[in-house]
Amino acid sequence: MSLQAATVMATAPFNAQAAEVKTTDYTGNKVYENNTLKRILIDGEYIKGMTYYFYLFYVMQEIRTYS
């Protein structure tokens, strides 16, 4: 799906008194910066370029010892 065919859910322009204006578009699970795809969001994970990023969650469970 091309950027032109997608529905833009939100646009966040950013300008910190710089000459260049940076625009971020959130289209579904895709994030575009200045009309360039930057990352694809997946539940708790994302893809950026050709790299897959994920988060490791560790839930400490009660440890029981018996004697």
N, C-alpha and C. Protein backbone atom coordinates (compact mmCIF):
# COMPACT_ATOMS: atom_id res chain seq x y z
N MET A 1 0.85 -1.17 0.00
CA MET A 1 0.00 0.00 0.00
C MET A 1 0.89 1.23 0.00
N SER A 2 0.62 2.14 -0.89
CA SER A 2 1.43 3.35 -0.97
C SER A 2 0.93 4.38 0.03
N LEU A 3 1.76 5.34 0.31
CA LEU A 3 1.40 6.40 1.25
C LEU A 3 0.20 7.18 0.74
N GLN A 4 0.10 7.37 -0.57
CA GLN A 4 -1.00 8.14 -1.13
C GLN A 4 -2.33 7.42 -0.98
N ALA A 5 -2.33 6.07 -0.98
CA ALA A 5 -3.56 5.31 -0.88
C ALA A 5 -3.97 5.07 0.57
N ALA A 6 -3.10 5.33 1.52
CA ALA A 6 -3.38 5.06 2.92
C ALA A 6 -4.11 6.23 3.56
N THR A 7 -4.84 5.94 4.61
CA THR A 7 -5.53 6.98 5.37
C THR A 7 -4.63 7.43 6.51
N VAL A 8 -4.35 8.72 6.58
CA VAL A 8 -3.50 9.26 7.64
C VAL A 8 -4.35 9.45 8.88
N MET A 9 -3.95 8.77 9.96
CA MET A 9 -4.70 8.84 11.21
C MET A 9 -4.35 10.10 12.00
N ALA A 10 -3.10 10.52 11.98
CA ALA A 10 -2.67 11.70 12.72
C ALA A 10 -1.40 12.24 12.09
N THR A 11 -1.20 13.53 12.18
CA THR A 11 0.01 14.16 11.69
C THR A 11 0.57 15.02 12.82
N ALA A 12 1.88 14.91 13.05
CA ALA A 12 2.51 15.66 14.12
C ALA A 12 3.67 16.47 13.56
N PRO A 13 3.41 17.72 13.15
CA PRO A 13 4.52 18.55 12.67
C PRO A 13 5.41 18.97 13.83
N PHE A 14 6.68 19.09 13.56
CA PHE A 14 7.63 19.46 14.61
C PHE A 14 8.58 20.51 14.04
N ASN A 15 8.74 21.61 14.76
CA ASN A 15 9.65 22.66 14.32
C ASN A 15 10.21 23.33 15.57
N ALA A 16 11.45 23.06 15.90
CA ALA A 16 12.10 23.66 17.06
C ALA A 16 12.97 24.82 16.61
N GLN A 17 12.36 25.80 15.97
CA GLN A 17 13.04 26.97 15.43
C GLN A 17 14.20 26.56 14.51
N ALA A 18 13.95 25.57 13.72
CA ALA A 18 14.95 25.11 12.75
C ALA A 18 14.47 25.47 11.36
N ALA A 19 15.38 25.44 10.42
CA ALA A 19 15.03 25.76 9.04
C ALA A 19 14.21 24.64 8.41
N GLU A 20 14.38 23.41 8.88
CA GLU A 20 13.69 22.26 8.31
C GLU A 20 12.52 21.85 9.19
N VAL A 21 11.37 21.62 8.58
CA VAL A 21 10.20 21.15 9.31
C VAL A 21 10.12 19.64 9.17
N LYS A 22 9.98 18.94 10.29
CA LYS A 22 9.88 17.49 10.29
C LYS A 22 8.42 17.12 10.52
N THR A 23 7.87 16.27 9.65
CA THR A 23 6.50 15.83 9.78
C THR A 23 6.46 14.33 10.02
N THR A 24 5.68 13.91 11.00
CA THR A 24 5.51 12.50 11.31
C THR A 24 4.06 12.13 11.08
N ASP A 25 3.81 11.13 10.23
CA ASP A 25 2.46 10.65 9.94
C ASP A 25 2.31 9.25 10.52
N TYR A 26 1.20 9.03 11.22
CA TYR A 26 0.88 7.73 11.80
C TYR A 26 -0.29 7.16 11.01
N THR A 27 -0.02 6.15 10.20
CA THR A 27 -1.02 5.55 9.33
C THR A 27 -1.19 4.09 9.73
N GLY A 28 -2.23 3.81 10.50
CA GLY A 28 -2.40 2.45 10.99
C GLY A 28 -1.23 2.08 11.88
N ASN A 29 -0.50 1.03 11.51
CA ASN A 29 0.66 0.61 12.30
C ASN A 29 1.97 1.05 11.67
N LYS A 30 1.92 1.98 10.71
CA LYS A 30 3.12 2.47 10.04
C LYS A 30 3.41 3.91 10.45
N VAL A 31 4.70 4.22 10.62
CA VAL A 31 5.13 5.57 11.00
C VAL A 31 5.99 6.11 9.87
N TYR A 32 5.57 7.25 9.30
CA TYR A 32 6.30 7.91 8.23
C TYR A 32 6.90 9.20 8.76
N GLU A 33 8.15 9.48 8.43
CA GLU A 33 8.77 10.76 8.75
C GLU A 33 9.15 11.41 7.43
N ASN A 34 8.60 12.60 7.19
CA ASN A 34 8.80 13.33 5.93
C ASN A 34 8.51 12.43 4.73
N ASN A 35 7.35 11.75 4.77
CA ASN A 35 6.85 10.87 3.70
C ASN A 35 7.74 9.67 3.44
N THR A 36 8.60 9.29 4.37
CA THR A 36 9.45 8.11 4.25
C THR A 36 9.09 7.14 5.37
N LEU A 37 8.84 5.88 5.02
CA LEU A 37 8.49 4.88 6.03
C LEU A 37 9.67 4.67 6.97
N LYS A 38 9.46 4.89 8.27
CA LYS A 38 10.53 4.74 9.25
C LYS A 38 10.39 3.46 10.05
N ARG A 39 9.16 3.07 10.42
CA ARG A 39 8.99 1.83 11.17
C ARG A 39 7.57 1.31 11.03
N ILE A 40 7.45 -0.01 11.22
CA ILE A 40 6.17 -0.69 11.24
C ILE A 40 5.98 -1.22 12.66
N LEU A 41 4.90 -0.81 13.29
CA LEU A 41 4.64 -1.20 14.67
C LEU A 41 3.87 -2.51 14.72
N ILE A 42 4.33 -3.40 15.58
CA ILE A 42 3.67 -4.68 15.83
C ILE A 42 3.48 -4.73 17.34
N ASP A 43 2.56 -5.52 17.83
CA ASP A 43 2.25 -5.59 19.25
C ASP A 43 3.51 -5.79 20.09
N GLY A 44 4.00 -4.72 20.74
CA GLY A 44 5.18 -4.78 21.59
C GLY A 44 6.49 -4.88 20.84
N GLU A 45 6.45 -4.71 19.53
CA GLU A 45 7.64 -4.86 18.69
C GLU A 45 7.55 -3.86 17.54
N TYR A 46 8.64 -3.72 16.77
CA TYR A 46 8.58 -2.91 15.57
C TYR A 46 9.68 -3.32 14.60
N ILE A 47 9.49 -2.94 13.35
CA ILE A 47 10.46 -3.19 12.29
C ILE A 47 10.95 -1.84 11.82
N LYS A 48 12.27 -1.66 11.77
CA LYS A 48 12.87 -0.42 11.30
C LYS A 48 13.94 -0.81 10.30
N GLY A 49 13.75 -0.37 9.05
CA GLY A 49 14.67 -0.79 8.00
C GLY A 49 14.52 -2.29 7.78
N MET A 50 15.59 -3.01 7.82
CA MET A 50 15.56 -4.46 7.68
C MET A 50 15.82 -5.14 9.02
N THR A 51 15.61 -4.42 10.14
CA THR A 51 15.88 -4.95 11.47
C THR A 51 14.59 -5.08 12.26
N TYR A 52 14.44 -6.19 12.95
CA TYR A 52 13.27 -6.47 13.77
C TYR A 52 13.64 -6.23 15.24
N TYR A 53 12.94 -5.32 15.90
CA TYR A 53 13.20 -5.00 17.30
C TYR A 53 12.06 -5.55 18.16
N PHE A 54 12.42 -6.11 19.30
CA PHE A 54 11.40 -6.60 20.22
C PHE A 54 11.86 -6.37 21.64
N TYR A 55 10.91 -6.39 22.55
CA TYR A 55 11.18 -6.15 23.95
C TYR A 55 11.02 -7.45 24.72
N LEU A 56 11.92 -7.70 25.64
CA LEU A 56 11.83 -8.88 26.49
C LEU A 56 11.21 -8.48 27.82
N PHE A 57 10.17 -9.17 28.20
CA PHE A 57 9.52 -8.91 29.47
C PHE A 57 9.77 -10.10 30.38
N TYR A 58 10.19 -9.83 31.59
CA TYR A 58 10.43 -10.90 32.56
C TYR A 58 9.51 -10.66 33.75
N VAL A 59 8.69 -11.63 34.02
CA VAL A 59 7.80 -11.54 35.16
C VAL A 59 8.34 -12.47 36.23
N MET A 60 8.74 -11.88 37.36
CA MET A 60 9.31 -12.69 38.44
C MET A 60 8.18 -13.43 39.16
N GLN A 61 8.28 -14.73 39.17
CA GLN A 61 7.28 -15.54 39.85
C GLN A 61 7.79 -15.94 41.23
N GLU A 62 6.86 -16.27 42.07
CA GLU A 62 7.23 -16.67 43.43
C GLU A 62 8.02 -17.98 43.37
N ILE A 63 9.15 -18.00 44.03
CA ILE A 63 10.00 -19.19 44.07
C ILE A 63 9.78 -19.87 45.41
N ARG A 64 9.38 -21.11 45.36
CA ARG A 64 9.11 -21.85 46.60
C ARG A 64 10.16 -22.95 46.77
N THR A 65 10.61 -23.10 47.99
CA THR A 65 11.54 -24.19 48.30
C THR A 65 10.91 -25.08 49.35
N TYR A 66 11.11 -26.35 49.20
CA TYR A 66 10.58 -27.33 50.15
C TYR A 66 11.74 -28.11 50.73
N SER A 67 11.67 -28.40 52.03
CA SER A 67 12.73 -29.22 52.64
C SER A 67 12.14 -30.40 53.37
